[in-house]
Amino acid sequence: MPNKNVISIGLHPDVVNYALFPGLTPEKLSHALKAQAEYLEKQGFNVTACLVDLGQTAEQTARAALLEKQYDVVVIGAGVRTPPPHFILFEKLINVVHECAPKAKICFNTSADDTAEAILRWVKPA
C-alpha cells in the first residue's frame, strides 16, 4: 500500500510576526517544522511543506501545491489560523483547500511542535 500524502500549509518563517507568539523564534519554528516532517516521514507519510506569505501570493502558492498531487490530509498551521489579523488569510486558504483537495481530511495544529499529532488524529500511515 502506498504512503499517505500530507501537506502542511503554514507561514514561512520569514513573514511571521513573532510578537504574536511569545518565545517563538525563526530558528525554533524552522527546527520544529523540520523535526515534524522527519517524524512523519519515518512513520510512512509523504510530506509536502507549503510555506506561504501573509496573503500576497498565499492562495496561488497553496493552490499550486495542492494541485501537484492528491493529498490524504491537509494541515493548516496555527500561525495562519490563530492570530486575529490572519483570519481572512485562513478563510482564503480553507476555500482553496476545499476547492483543490475536497476529499482530504483537514486538521489543525496548535503549534509547529504538534503537527504530527494533528495528522494522526485523522489519518494513519499506510
C-alpha atoms as a PDB file:
ATOM      1  CA  MET A   1       0.000   0.000   0.000  1.00  0.00           C
ATOM      2  CA  PRO A   2       1.463   3.422  -0.935  1.00  0.00           C
ATOM      3  CA  ASN A   3       2.333   6.027   1.655  1.00  0.00           C
ATOM      4  CA  LYS A   4      -0.287   8.648   2.501  1.00  0.00           C
ATOM      5  CA  ASN A   5       0.305  12.153   1.183  1.00  0.00           C
ATOM      6  CA  VAL A   6       0.291  15.014   3.669  1.00  0.00           C
ATOM      7  CA  ILE A   7       0.597  18.726   3.002  1.00  0.00           C
ATOM      8  CA  SER A   8       1.283  21.210   5.756  1.00  0.00           C
ATOM      9  CA  ILE A   9       0.296  24.785   4.918  1.00  0.00           C
ATOM     10  CA  GLY A  10       1.837  27.389   7.182  1.00  0.00           C
ATOM     11  CA  LEU A  11       3.523  30.742   7.288  1.00  0.00           C
ATOM     12  CA  HIS A  12       7.058  30.996   6.010  1.00  0.00           C
ATOM     13  CA  PRO A  13       9.347  31.735   8.986  1.00  0.00           C
ATOM     14  CA  ASP A  14      10.467  34.976   7.305  1.00  0.00           C
ATOM     15  CA  VAL A  15       6.957  36.507   7.424  1.00  0.00           C
ATOM     16  CA  VAL A  16       5.861  35.521  10.924  1.00  0.00           C
ATOM     17  CA  ASN A  17       5.201  38.327  13.404  1.00  0.00           C
ATOM     18  CA  TYR A  18       6.966  36.697  16.340  1.00  0.00           C
ATOM     19  CA  ALA A  19       5.425  39.216  18.762  1.00  0.00           C
ATOM     20  CA  LEU A  20       2.173  37.237  18.325  1.00  0.00           C
ATOM     21  CA  PHE A  21       3.906  34.045  19.532  1.00  0.00           C
ATOM     22  CA  PRO A  22       5.895  34.678  22.725  1.00  0.00           C
ATOM     23  CA  GLY A  23       9.026  32.544  22.937  1.00  0.00           C
ATOM     24  CA  LEU A  24       8.970  31.559  19.275  1.00  0.00           C
ATOM     25  CA  THR A  25      11.924  32.486  17.066  1.00  0.00           C
ATOM     26  CA  PRO A  26      12.634  31.849  13.381  1.00  0.00           C
ATOM     27  CA  GLU A  27      15.167  29.199  14.407  1.00  0.00           C
ATOM     28  CA  LYS A  28      12.727  27.409  16.748  1.00  0.00           C
ATOM     29  CA  LEU A  29       9.996  27.458  14.110  1.00  0.00           C
ATOM     30  CA  SER A  30      12.275  26.157  11.359  1.00  0.00           C
ATOM     31  CA  HIS A  31      13.588  23.416  13.639  1.00  0.00           C
ATOM     32  CA  ALA A  32      10.074  22.344  14.694  1.00  0.00           C
ATOM     33  CA  LEU A  33       8.830  22.232  11.094  1.00  0.00           C
ATOM     34  CA  LYS A  34      11.795  20.100  10.042  1.00  0.00           C
ATOM     35  CA  ALA A  35      11.515  17.764  13.053  1.00  0.00           C
ATOM     36  CA  GLN A  36       7.790  17.164  12.499  1.00  0.00           C
ATOM     37  CA  ALA A  37       8.307  16.437   8.781  1.00  0.00           C
ATOM     38  CA  GLU A  38      11.124  13.991   9.566  1.00  0.00           C
ATOM     39  CA  TYR A  39       8.993  12.229  12.193  1.00  0.00           C
ATOM     40  CA  LEU A  40       6.044  11.906   9.806  1.00  0.00           C
ATOM     41  CA  GLU A  41       8.276  10.573   7.032  1.00  0.00           C
ATOM     42  CA  LYS A  42       9.629   7.925   9.431  1.00  0.00           C
ATOM     43  CA  GLN A  43       6.014   6.982  10.197  1.00  0.00           C
ATOM     44  CA  GLY A  44       5.415   6.352   6.494  1.00  0.00           C
ATOM     45  CA  PHE A  45       3.918   9.604   5.216  1.00  0.00           C
ATOM     46  CA  ASN A  46       4.968  11.589   2.162  1.00  0.00           C
ATOM     47  CA  VAL A  47       5.208  15.147   3.484  1.00  0.00           C
ATOM     48  CA  THR A  48       4.963  18.356   1.484  1.00  0.00           C
ATOM     49  CA  ALA A  49       5.605  21.679   3.209  1.00  0.00           C
ATOM     50  CA  CYS A  50       3.746  24.620   1.700  1.00  0.00           C
ATOM     51  CA  LEU A  51       5.047  27.807   3.292  1.00  0.00           C
ATOM     52  CA  VAL A  52       3.074  30.908   2.383  1.00  0.00           C
ATOM     53  CA  ASP A  53       3.317  34.643   2.822  1.00  0.00           C
ATOM     54  CA  LEU A  54       0.744  36.813   4.577  1.00  0.00           C
ATOM     55  CA  GLY A  55      -1.587  36.917   1.609  1.00  0.00           C
ATOM     56  CA  GLN A  56       0.115  38.482  -1.366  1.00  0.00           C
ATOM     57  CA  THR A  57       0.660  35.105  -3.073  1.00  0.00           C
ATOM     58  CA  ALA A  58      -0.558  32.669  -0.397  1.00  0.00           C
ATOM     59  CA  GLU A  59      -3.612  31.456  -2.295  1.00  0.00           C
ATOM     60  CA  GLN A  60      -1.668  30.893  -5.511  1.00  0.00           C
ATOM     61  CA  THR A  61       1.132  29.111  -3.654  1.00  0.00           C
ATOM     62  CA  ALA A  62      -1.287  26.816  -1.828  1.00  0.00           C
ATOM     63  CA  ARG A  63      -3.333  26.142  -4.958  1.00  0.00           C
ATOM     64  CA  ALA A  64      -0.253  25.175  -6.975  1.00  0.00           C
ATOM     65  CA  ALA A  65       0.963  22.819  -4.243  1.00  0.00           C
ATOM     66  CA  LEU A  66      -2.467  21.232  -3.763  1.00  0.00           C
ATOM     67  CA  LEU A  67      -2.815  20.548  -7.486  1.00  0.00           C
ATOM     68  CA  GLU A  68       0.546  18.734  -7.715  1.00  0.00           C
ATOM     69  CA  LYS A  69      -0.907  15.511  -6.297  1.00  0.00           C
ATOM     70  CA  GLN A  70      -3.826  14.112  -4.362  1.00  0.00           C
ATOM     71  CA  TYR A  71      -3.469  14.627  -0.611  1.00  0.00           C
ATOM     72  CA  ASP A  72      -4.959  12.451   2.100  1.00  0.00           C
ATOM     73  CA  VAL A  73      -4.669  15.156   4.736  1.00  0.00           C
ATOM     74  CA  VAL A  74      -4.124  18.908   4.817  1.00  0.00           C
ATOM     75  CA  VAL A  75      -2.781  20.640   7.917  1.00  0.00           C
ATOM     76  CA  ILE A  76      -3.260  24.367   8.277  1.00  0.00           C
ATOM     77  CA  GLY A  77      -0.847  25.727  10.831  1.00  0.00           C
ATOM     78  CA  ALA A  78      -1.670  27.665  13.955  1.00  0.00           C
ATOM     79  CA  GLY A  79       0.319  30.640  12.657  1.00  0.00           C
ATOM     80  CA  VAL A  80      -2.268  31.045   9.920  1.00  0.00           C
ATOM     81  CA  ARG A  81      -5.278  30.036  11.975  1.00  0.00           C
ATOM     82  CA  THR A  82      -4.969  31.610  15.424  1.00  0.00           C
ATOM     83  CA  PRO A  83      -3.913  35.281  15.225  1.00  0.00           C
ATOM     84  CA  PRO A  84      -6.948  37.508  14.641  1.00  0.00           C
ATOM     85  CA  PRO A  85      -5.106  39.570  11.987  1.00  0.00           C
ATOM     86  CA  HIS A  86      -4.809  36.402   9.862  1.00  0.00           C
ATOM     87  CA  PHE A  87      -8.462  35.352   9.803  1.00  0.00           C
ATOM     88  CA  ILE A  88      -9.005  36.484   6.183  1.00  0.00           C
ATOM     89  CA  LEU A  89      -5.891  34.557   5.104  1.00  0.00           C
ATOM     90  CA  PHE A  90      -7.166  31.490   6.975  1.00  0.00           C
ATOM     91  CA  GLU A  91     -10.569  31.793   5.311  1.00  0.00           C
ATOM     92  CA  LYS A  92      -8.997  32.091   1.856  1.00  0.00           C
ATOM     93  CA  LEU A  93      -6.772  29.065   2.423  1.00  0.00           C
ATOM     94  CA  ILE A  94      -9.673  26.949   3.690  1.00  0.00           C
ATOM     95  CA  ASN A  95     -11.540  27.729   0.487  1.00  0.00           C
ATOM     96  CA  VAL A  96      -8.511  26.834  -1.650  1.00  0.00           C
ATOM     97  CA  VAL A  97      -8.218  23.522   0.200  1.00  0.00           C
ATOM     98  CA  HIS A  98     -11.944  22.879  -0.224  1.00  0.00           C
ATOM     99  CA  GLU A  99     -11.662  23.584  -3.960  1.00  0.00           C
ATOM    100  CA  CYS A 100      -8.416  21.719  -4.702  1.00  0.00           C
ATOM    101  CA  ALA A 101      -8.478  18.825  -2.213  1.00  0.00           C
ATOM    102  CA  PRO A 102     -12.146  18.128  -1.489  1.00  0.00           C
ATOM    103  CA  LYS A 103     -11.528  14.534  -0.353  1.00  0.00           C
ATOM    104  CA  ALA A 104      -8.653  15.317   2.009  1.00  0.00           C
ATOM    105  CA  LYS A 105      -9.093  15.353   5.752  1.00  0.00           C
ATOM    106  CA  ILE A 106      -8.378  18.788   7.215  1.00  0.00           C
ATOM    107  CA  CYS A 107      -6.673  19.156  10.556  1.00  0.00           C
ATOM    108  CA  PHE A 108      -5.159  21.891  12.656  1.00  0.00           C
ATOM    109  CA  ASN A 109      -2.163  22.001  14.927  1.00  0.00           C
ATOM    110  CA  THR A 110      -1.729  24.276  17.930  1.00  0.00           C
ATOM    111  CA  SER A 111       1.957  24.865  17.182  1.00  0.00           C
ATOM    112  CA  ALA A 112       4.603  23.556  14.815  1.00  0.00           C
ATOM    113  CA  ASP A 113       5.518  21.009  17.501  1.00  0.00           C
ATOM    114  CA  ASP A 114       2.233  19.070  17.359  1.00  0.00           C
ATOM    115  CA  THR A 115       1.689  18.795  13.607  1.00  0.00           C
ATOM    116  CA  ALA A 116       2.183  15.017  13.635  1.00  0.00           C
ATOM    117  CA  GLU A 117      -0.341  14.655  16.448  1.00  0.00           C
ATOM    118  CA  ALA A 118      -2.909  16.632  14.435  1.00  0.00           C
ATOM    119  CA  ILE A 119      -2.380  14.456  11.359  1.00  0.00           C
ATOM    120  CA  LEU A 120      -2.510  11.192  13.289  1.00  0.00           C
ATOM    121  CA  ARG A 121      -5.907  12.137  14.732  1.00  0.00           C
ATOM    122  CA  TRP A 122      -7.337  11.753  11.222  1.00  0.00           C
ATOM    123  CA  VAL A 123      -5.064   9.600   9.088  1.00  0.00           C
ATOM    124  CA  LYS A 124      -2.820   6.647   9.854  1.00  0.00           C
ATOM    125  CA  PRO A 125       0.260   5.920   7.754  1.00  0.00           C
ATOM    126  CA  ALA A 126      -0.045   3.277   5.048  1.00  0.00           C
END
